[in-house]
Protein backbone atom coordinates (compact mmCIF):
# COMPACT_ATOMS: atom_id res chain seq x y z
CA MET A 1 -48.18 141.79 134.39
CA LYS A 2 -51.79 143.46 134.20
CA ALA A 3 -55.01 141.69 134.45
CA MET A 4 -58.95 142.60 133.79
CA ILE A 5 -61.87 141.05 135.22
CA LEU A 6 -65.18 140.74 133.69
CA ALA A 7 -67.61 141.93 136.41
CA ALA A 8 -70.29 143.54 134.03
CA GLY A 9 -72.91 140.69 133.66
CA LYS A 10 -76.30 140.21 135.32
CA GLY A 11 -75.94 136.79 136.71
CA THR A 12 -79.30 135.89 135.09
CA ARG A 13 -78.69 132.25 136.44
CA VAL A 14 -77.84 133.12 139.86
CA ARG A 15 -80.96 135.28 140.67
CA PRO A 16 -82.72 136.00 142.94
CA LEU A 17 -78.93 136.46 144.80
CA THR A 18 -78.00 139.02 141.87
CA TYR A 19 -81.13 140.91 142.74
CA ASP A 20 -79.10 142.65 145.26
CA LEU A 21 -75.58 141.69 144.84
CA PRO A 22 -73.58 141.67 141.35
CA LYS A 23 -72.36 138.29 140.57
CA PRO A 24 -68.85 138.85 141.49
CA MET A 25 -70.12 139.61 144.78
CA ILE A 26 -71.62 136.55 145.92
CA PRO A 27 -69.96 135.05 148.80
CA VAL A 28 -67.89 132.21 150.00
CA LEU A 29 -66.96 132.09 153.47
CA GLY A 30 -68.07 135.40 153.68
CA LYS A 31 -66.18 137.00 151.20
CA PRO A 32 -66.79 137.91 147.66
CA VAL A 33 -65.50 135.45 145.07
CA MET A 34 -63.63 138.67 143.16
CA ALA A 35 -61.81 138.98 146.70
CA TYR A 36 -60.34 135.70 146.32
CA LEU A 37 -59.38 136.54 142.73
CA VAL A 38 -57.94 140.23 143.41
CA GLU A 39 -55.74 138.26 146.38
CA HIS A 40 -54.47 135.65 144.04
CA LEU A 41 -53.50 137.95 141.19
CA ALA A 42 -51.73 139.93 143.48
CA LYS A 43 -49.93 137.11 145.16
CA CYS A 44 -48.97 136.21 141.15
CA GLY A 45 -47.62 140.04 141.07
CA VAL A 46 -50.35 141.03 138.79
CA ARG A 47 -50.09 145.09 140.15
CA GLU A 48 -52.73 146.71 137.49
CA ILE A 49 -56.15 145.39 137.33
CA MET A 50 -59.24 147.03 135.03
CA VAL A 51 -63.02 145.91 136.00
CA ASN A 52 -65.72 146.16 133.74
CA VAL A 53 -68.76 146.91 135.71
CA SER A 54 -72.75 147.45 135.01
CA HIS A 55 -75.12 145.76 137.19
CA LEU A 56 -74.92 147.30 140.80
CA HIS A 57 -71.70 148.55 140.07
CA GLU A 58 -71.72 150.75 142.95
CA LYS A 59 -71.51 147.76 145.73
CA ILE A 60 -68.34 146.01 143.62
CA GLU A 61 -66.90 149.88 143.70
CA GLU A 62 -67.08 150.30 147.29
CA TYR A 63 -65.91 146.96 148.77
CA PHE A 64 -62.61 147.19 146.61
CA GLY A 65 -61.88 151.16 146.00
CA GLU A 66 -59.15 151.47 144.10
CA GLY A 67 -57.21 148.27 145.51
CA GLN A 68 -54.94 150.01 148.21
CA ARG A 69 -55.69 147.06 150.56
CA PHE A 70 -54.82 144.38 148.31
CA GLY A 71 -51.63 145.59 147.01
CA VAL A 72 -52.80 146.44 143.68
CA ARG A 73 -54.27 149.35 141.39
CA ILE A 74 -57.59 148.70 140.32
CA GLY A 75 -59.61 150.68 137.66
CA TYR A 76 -63.30 150.71 136.67
CA SER A 77 -64.85 150.80 133.00
CA PHE A 78 -68.62 151.67 133.58
CA GLU A 79 -71.21 150.01 130.81
CA GLY A 80 -74.35 152.06 130.65
CA TYR A 81 -75.69 155.21 131.49
CA THR A 82 -78.12 157.10 134.08
CA ASP A 83 -81.29 158.16 133.22
CA ASP A 84 -83.43 161.11 133.91
CA LYS A 85 -84.61 159.54 137.32
CA GLY A 86 -81.17 158.85 138.19
CA GLU A 87 -81.23 155.14 137.79
CA VAL A 88 -78.62 153.32 135.75
CA VAL A 89 -79.41 151.97 133.09
CA PRO A 90 -76.91 148.50 132.05
CA VAL A 91 -76.07 148.57 128.27
CA PRO A 92 -74.25 145.24 127.60
CA ILE A 93 -71.62 145.54 124.77
CA GLY A 94 -70.20 142.08 125.15
CA SER A 95 -67.30 141.26 127.02
CA ALA A 96 -64.78 141.76 124.09
CA GLY A 97 -66.67 145.06 123.89
CA GLY A 98 -65.94 145.66 127.30
CA MET A 99 -61.96 145.25 126.45
CA LYS A 100 -62.36 147.37 123.46
CA LYS A 101 -64.16 150.40 125.14
CA ILE A 102 -61.28 150.16 127.97
CA GLN A 103 -58.54 150.18 125.49
CA GLU A 104 -60.11 153.01 123.26
CA PHE A 105 -60.75 155.11 126.28
CA GLY A 106 -56.92 154.96 127.97
CA GLY A 107 -54.70 152.08 126.22
CA PHE A 108 -54.69 149.90 128.77
CA PHE A 109 -54.19 146.86 126.97
CA ASP A 110 -50.34 147.72 126.00
CA GLN A 111 -48.99 144.38 127.42
CA THR A 112 -49.34 141.03 128.04
CA THR A 113 -52.63 140.90 129.68
CA ILE A 114 -54.68 138.09 131.57
CA VAL A 115 -58.45 138.25 131.46
CA LEU A 116 -60.85 136.48 134.22
CA CYS A 117 -64.52 135.93 134.48
CA GLY A 118 -65.30 137.34 138.20
CA ASP A 119 -67.24 134.22 139.37
CA ALA A 120 -64.83 131.62 139.78
CA LEU A 121 -62.41 130.20 142.35
CA ILE A 122 -58.78 129.61 141.06
CA ASP A 123 -55.54 129.02 141.99
CA LEU A 124 -53.80 128.93 138.33
CA ASP A 125 -50.18 129.42 138.14
CA ILE A 126 -50.62 132.56 136.04
CA GLU A 127 -47.03 133.12 135.70
CA ALA A 128 -46.38 129.55 134.63
CA ALA A 129 -49.21 130.00 131.97
CA VAL A 130 -48.20 133.52 130.67
CA GLU A 131 -44.63 132.10 130.52
CA GLU A 132 -46.20 129.04 127.90
CA HIS A 133 -48.31 131.40 126.30
CA LYS A 134 -45.15 133.58 125.08
CA ARG A 135 -42.94 130.76 124.28
CA LYS A 136 -45.37 129.29 121.76
CA GLY A 137 -45.60 132.83 120.23
CA ALA A 138 -49.62 133.20 120.85
CA LEU A 139 -51.81 136.11 120.09
CA ALA A 140 -54.23 134.65 122.28
CA THR A 141 -54.51 131.45 124.84
CA VAL A 142 -57.06 129.93 126.18
CA ILE A 143 -57.07 128.01 129.51
CA THR A 144 -59.30 125.33 129.48
CA LYS A 145 -60.78 121.96 131.73
CA GLU A 146 -62.04 118.81 130.84
CA VAL A 147 -65.37 118.46 131.85
CA PRO A 148 -68.52 115.92 131.80
CA TRP A 149 -69.74 115.33 128.50
CA ASP A 150 -73.51 116.35 129.74
CA LYS A 151 -71.96 119.64 131.07
CA VAL A 152 -70.49 120.83 127.63
CA SER A 153 -73.72 122.77 127.12
CA SER A 154 -72.93 125.29 129.85
CA TYR A 155 -69.64 126.14 128.37
CA GLY A 156 -67.42 127.30 125.10
CA VAL A 157 -65.32 124.21 124.22
CA VAL A 158 -62.60 124.34 122.25
CA VAL A 159 -60.97 121.71 119.44
CA THR A 160 -57.70 121.52 119.31
CA GLY A 161 -54.38 120.07 117.12
CA GLU A 162 -51.85 118.03 118.32
CA ASP A 163 -49.77 121.02 119.19
CA GLY A 164 -52.82 122.51 121.34
CA ARG A 165 -53.64 125.44 118.43
CA ILE A 166 -57.04 125.94 118.68
CA GLU A 167 -58.74 125.39 115.60
CA ARG A 168 -62.48 125.42 116.30
CA PHE A 169 -64.18 127.46 119.35
CA GLN A 170 -67.37 126.25 120.22
CA GLU A 171 -69.79 128.46 122.43
CA LYS A 172 -72.39 126.12 124.57
CA PRO A 173 -72.63 123.75 122.35
CA SER A 174 -75.28 120.82 122.71
CA GLN A 175 -74.27 117.49 123.80
CA GLU A 176 -75.12 116.16 120.44
CA GLU A 177 -73.02 119.21 118.79
CA ALA A 178 -69.99 119.40 120.87
CA LEU A 179 -66.40 118.11 119.14
CA SER A 180 -64.66 118.33 122.49
CA ASN A 181 -65.22 118.13 126.00
CA PHE A 182 -62.23 120.87 126.85
CA ALA A 183 -63.94 123.84 128.05
CA SER A 184 -63.21 127.43 128.30
CA THR A 185 -62.73 128.25 132.02
CA GLY A 186 -63.01 132.08 131.52
CA ILE A 187 -59.36 132.79 131.86
CA TYR A 188 -57.36 134.23 128.77
CA ILE A 189 -54.24 135.40 128.14
CA PHE A 190 -53.88 138.56 125.37
CA GLU A 191 -51.67 140.47 123.56
CA PRO A 192 -52.39 143.97 122.36
CA GLN A 193 -52.99 142.64 118.84
CA VAL A 194 -56.14 140.76 119.43
CA ILE A 195 -57.93 144.24 121.09
CA ASP A 196 -57.34 145.52 117.24
CA MET A 197 -59.45 143.07 115.99
CA ILE A 198 -62.46 144.30 118.18
CA PRO A 199 -64.99 146.16 116.17
CA PRO A 200 -65.86 149.15 117.66
CA GLY A 201 -68.86 150.51 118.83
CA THR A 202 -70.59 147.24 118.82
CA GLU A 203 -71.85 144.62 121.09
CA PHE A 204 -69.06 141.82 120.93
CA ASP A 205 -68.25 138.58 123.05
CA ILE A 206 -65.19 136.94 123.61
CA GLY A 207 -66.86 133.09 123.24
CA SER A 208 -69.15 133.64 120.58
CA ASP A 209 -67.25 136.40 118.37
CA LEU A 210 -63.92 136.89 118.99
CA PHE A 211 -62.68 133.07 119.70
CA PRO A 212 -64.12 131.98 116.41
CA LEU A 213 -62.72 135.04 114.40
CA LEU A 214 -59.21 134.13 115.70
CA ALA A 215 -59.68 130.14 115.02
CA GLU A 216 -61.34 131.46 111.51
CA LYS A 217 -58.45 133.52 110.39
CA GLY A 218 -55.82 130.70 111.69
CA LEU A 219 -53.97 132.99 114.05
CA PRO A 220 -51.81 131.91 116.51
CA PHE A 221 -54.29 130.93 119.29
CA TYR A 222 -53.76 128.08 121.81
CA ALA A 223 -55.45 126.41 124.96
CA GLN A 224 -53.67 125.42 127.39
CA THR A 225 -54.71 122.48 130.05
CA ARG A 226 -52.93 122.77 133.25
CA PRO A 227 -53.57 121.26 136.86
CA PHE A 228 -54.93 123.67 139.01
CA GLU A 229 -58.50 124.32 141.34
CA TRP A 230 -61.21 125.81 139.29
CA ILE A 231 -64.39 126.37 141.09
CA ASP A 232 -67.14 127.68 139.07
CA ILE A 233 -70.23 129.54 140.44
CA GLY A 234 -72.45 129.62 137.23
CA SER A 235 -75.60 128.77 138.90
CA ILE A 236 -77.76 128.34 142.09
CA THR A 237 -76.45 124.82 142.23
CA ASP A 238 -73.36 125.48 141.64
CA PHE A 239 -73.10 127.55 144.53
CA TRP A 240 -75.07 125.30 146.77
CA THR A 241 -72.27 122.67 145.69
CA VAL A 242 -69.12 125.29 146.45
CA LEU A 243 -70.64 125.92 149.70
CA GLN A 244 -70.74 122.46 150.58
CA ASP A 245 -67.35 121.31 149.27
CA VAL A 246 -65.67 124.18 151.01
CA MET A 247 -67.70 123.69 154.37
CA GLN A 248 -66.60 120.35 154.37
CA GLY A 249 -62.80 121.03 153.96
CA GLN A 250 -63.04 119.97 150.03
CA VAL A 251 -61.34 122.84 148.35
CA LYS A 252 -57.51 123.65 149.04
CA GLY A 253 -57.12 126.73 151.13
CA LEU A 254 -60.06 127.64 151.85
CA THR A 255 -61.41 126.93 155.91
CA PRO A 256 -64.26 128.54 157.98
CA PRO A 257 -63.36 131.50 159.76
CA GLY A 258 -63.98 132.68 163.30
CA LYS A 259 -62.73 130.03 166.10
CA GLN A 260 -63.21 126.55 166.49
CA ILE A 261 -64.99 125.61 169.53
CA ARG A 262 -66.00 122.20 169.17
CA ASP A 263 -64.97 119.30 166.28
CA GLY A 264 -66.76 120.66 163.25
CA LEU A 265 -68.02 123.67 164.98
CA TRP A 266 -66.83 127.22 163.92
CA VAL A 267 -68.40 130.78 165.46
CA GLY A 268 -67.65 134.43 165.00
CA LEU A 269 -67.04 136.90 167.38
CA ASN A 270 -69.71 137.52 170.27
CA ALA A 271 -72.04 134.61 168.97
CA ARG A 272 -74.59 133.19 171.27
CA ILE A 273 -75.86 129.41 171.48
CA ASP A 274 -78.18 128.05 173.83
CA TRP A 275 -77.26 124.58 174.43
CA GLU A 276 -80.27 123.21 176.27
CA GLY A 277 -81.43 121.13 174.04
CA THR A 278 -79.66 122.08 170.98
CA THR A 279 -77.65 119.63 168.77
CA ILE A 280 -75.36 120.85 166.26
CA GLU A 281 -73.55 118.33 163.87
CA GLY A 282 -70.71 119.80 161.94
CA PRO A 283 -69.47 121.52 159.47
CA VAL A 284 -71.38 124.49 161.27
CA TYR A 285 -69.95 128.09 161.09
CA ILE A 286 -72.00 130.65 163.05
CA GLY A 287 -71.13 134.00 162.54
CA SER A 288 -70.58 136.76 164.74
CA GLY A 289 -73.59 138.33 166.86
CA ALA A 290 -75.61 135.39 165.73
CA HIS A 291 -77.75 133.78 168.34
CA VAL A 292 -79.13 130.37 168.00
CA GLU A 293 -81.70 129.79 170.85
CA ALA A 294 -82.42 126.36 172.89
CA GLY A 295 -84.14 123.84 171.24
CA CYS A 296 -82.78 123.97 167.61
CA HIS A 297 -81.05 121.30 165.51
CA ILE A 298 -78.53 121.94 162.82
CA VAL A 299 -76.85 119.99 160.58
CA GLY A 300 -73.76 120.40 158.24
CA PRO A 301 -72.58 121.74 156.17
CA THR A 302 -74.20 125.01 157.03
CA TRP A 303 -73.28 128.82 157.12
CA ILE A 304 -75.47 131.12 159.26
CA GLY A 305 -74.39 134.61 158.57
CA HIS A 306 -73.84 137.11 161.21
CA GLY A 307 -76.35 138.85 162.88
CA SER A 308 -78.50 135.92 162.40
CA HIS A 309 -81.47 134.44 164.64
CA ILE A 310 -82.09 131.24 164.79
CA VAL A 311 -85.95 130.53 167.18
CA GLY A 312 -85.96 127.53 169.64
CA GLY A 313 -87.07 124.29 168.19
CA ALA A 314 -85.51 125.26 164.37
CA GLU A 315 -84.17 122.77 162.79
CA ILE A 316 -81.28 123.69 159.77
CA VAL A 317 -80.12 121.02 157.46
CA ARG A 318 -77.09 121.62 154.94
CA SER A 319 -78.29 125.16 154.44
CA MET A 320 -76.71 128.77 153.73
CA ILE A 321 -78.29 131.34 156.10
CA PHE A 322 -77.50 134.86 154.75
CA GLU A 323 -76.66 137.75 157.46
CA TYR A 324 -78.94 138.94 159.62
CA THR A 325 -81.96 136.37 159.03
CA ARG A 326 -84.27 135.10 161.74
CA ILE A 327 -85.59 131.71 161.17
CA ALA A 328 -88.78 131.41 163.46
CA HIS A 329 -90.01 128.86 165.95
CA ASP A 330 -89.78 125.28 164.82
CA VAL A 331 -89.08 125.68 161.11
CA GLU A 332 -87.44 123.35 159.02
CA ILE A 333 -84.84 124.48 156.33
CA GLU A 334 -83.31 121.55 154.44
CA ASP A 335 -80.65 122.06 151.50
CA MET A 336 -81.70 125.76 151.03
CA ILE A 337 -80.13 129.21 150.49
CA VAL A 338 -81.87 132.00 152.47
CA PHE A 339 -81.47 135.06 151.36
CA LYS A 340 -83.15 138.26 152.42
CA ASP A 341 -87.22 137.57 151.30
CA TYR A 342 -86.32 134.31 149.14
CA GLY A 343 -86.02 131.14 149.93
CA ILE A 344 -83.65 128.85 146.99
CA SER A 345 -83.72 125.38 147.01
CA ARG A 346 -80.53 123.85 145.45
CA ASP A 347 -82.01 122.89 142.14
CA GLY A 348 -82.45 126.90 142.11
CA THR A 349 -85.80 127.02 142.50
CA ALA A 350 -87.17 129.94 144.73
CA ARG A 351 -89.60 131.14 147.01
CA HIS A 352 -90.17 134.29 147.77
CA VAL A 353 -91.45 134.66 151.85
CA SER A 354 -94.64 136.25 150.99
CA GLU A 355 -95.82 132.88 149.34
CA CYS A 356 -95.42 131.05 152.65
CA THR A 357 -99.10 130.75 154.82
CA ASP A 358 -96.50 131.98 158.03
CA THR A 359 -93.41 134.38 158.10
CA ILE A 360 -90.94 131.50 158.74
CA TRP A 361 -88.26 133.81 157.91
CA GLY A 362 -87.35 137.40 157.98
CA ASN A 363 -85.09 140.25 158.80
CA ALA A 364 -83.52 139.96 162.22
CA ARG A 365 -83.08 143.53 162.53
CA ASP A 366 -86.95 143.97 161.96
CA ARG A 367 -88.67 144.01 165.25
CA ARG A 368 -92.09 143.94 163.98
CA ILE A 369 -91.08 140.47 162.19
CA ALA A 370 -89.67 139.53 165.80
CA ARG A 371 -92.98 140.30 167.50
CA ARG A 372 -95.40 138.06 164.93
CA ALA A 373 -93.18 134.86 165.15
């Protein structure tokens, strides 16, 4: 069985994280989202995976290589070019266009292939889904989930007949226009004939272009609604919520790494906590090499990345502090993600550290910041 992971997008709804990280590399419990996908595909018997890349492509390629440590073979299809200054310029060709480019180059899609977005955590029984796809004689299958009506505008939604055949596909309709609240999860199963329907040399999207075309032609195009975990990281708010749920043990199979030294407190190797006047209310993870000074107050669910430095008197509540971050003396961080130069609230509002009157956070490796604070 083969798979393709869609990883070429810019991740605009997850900025500013995606200024420095491609969306599939956003970490959950310290590991990129896409790594969970690759591991799950390998567990389900997938051995060949193509990935289309563009924005910050080198970070994906350097992490995953050709897949040896995951027990799979991984190949990449780059979408863009390098300009005269040596800078990479992404050129969007759409999710379906990305499949077409791969097919024209090397003919990868020569059997039933599962295609997945690279920004969600799943535990789908892929073999069972493919078996149902083949039993129905489908050319294309969309794995769907029922979502609240007030969320339909964030997804592509399907309208099906009694046999599960898709009659209409609406890409991110308004709540008033939506004809269904069964959303595409960004997990698709395709036969090679579907790729033949994608026009070459033009931007073409799976949801906006390919699926309406399949429905219009009345081809064997089906939806499956299966019981499985699907955690979509579509926005900063989604990411913050996922982190909270994971740290509280609400996501099956995911637990904080490190060693549990107290109820609700996990630490990485060589982490240092000065306990005098410090209170920690779990669940909290403190990464390897991190230092929590005396007099701090940390309330979970909170993740403190490796190499970070929490200066005495700081208070951190329900937040994620990325690696090598220094939180200054007496600073209060609540319901936030602190990533490099940005502090991001749970609703997605970002603030650059330069907008603050004092240096309230910075790079823990920067000695200049350590002297100023």
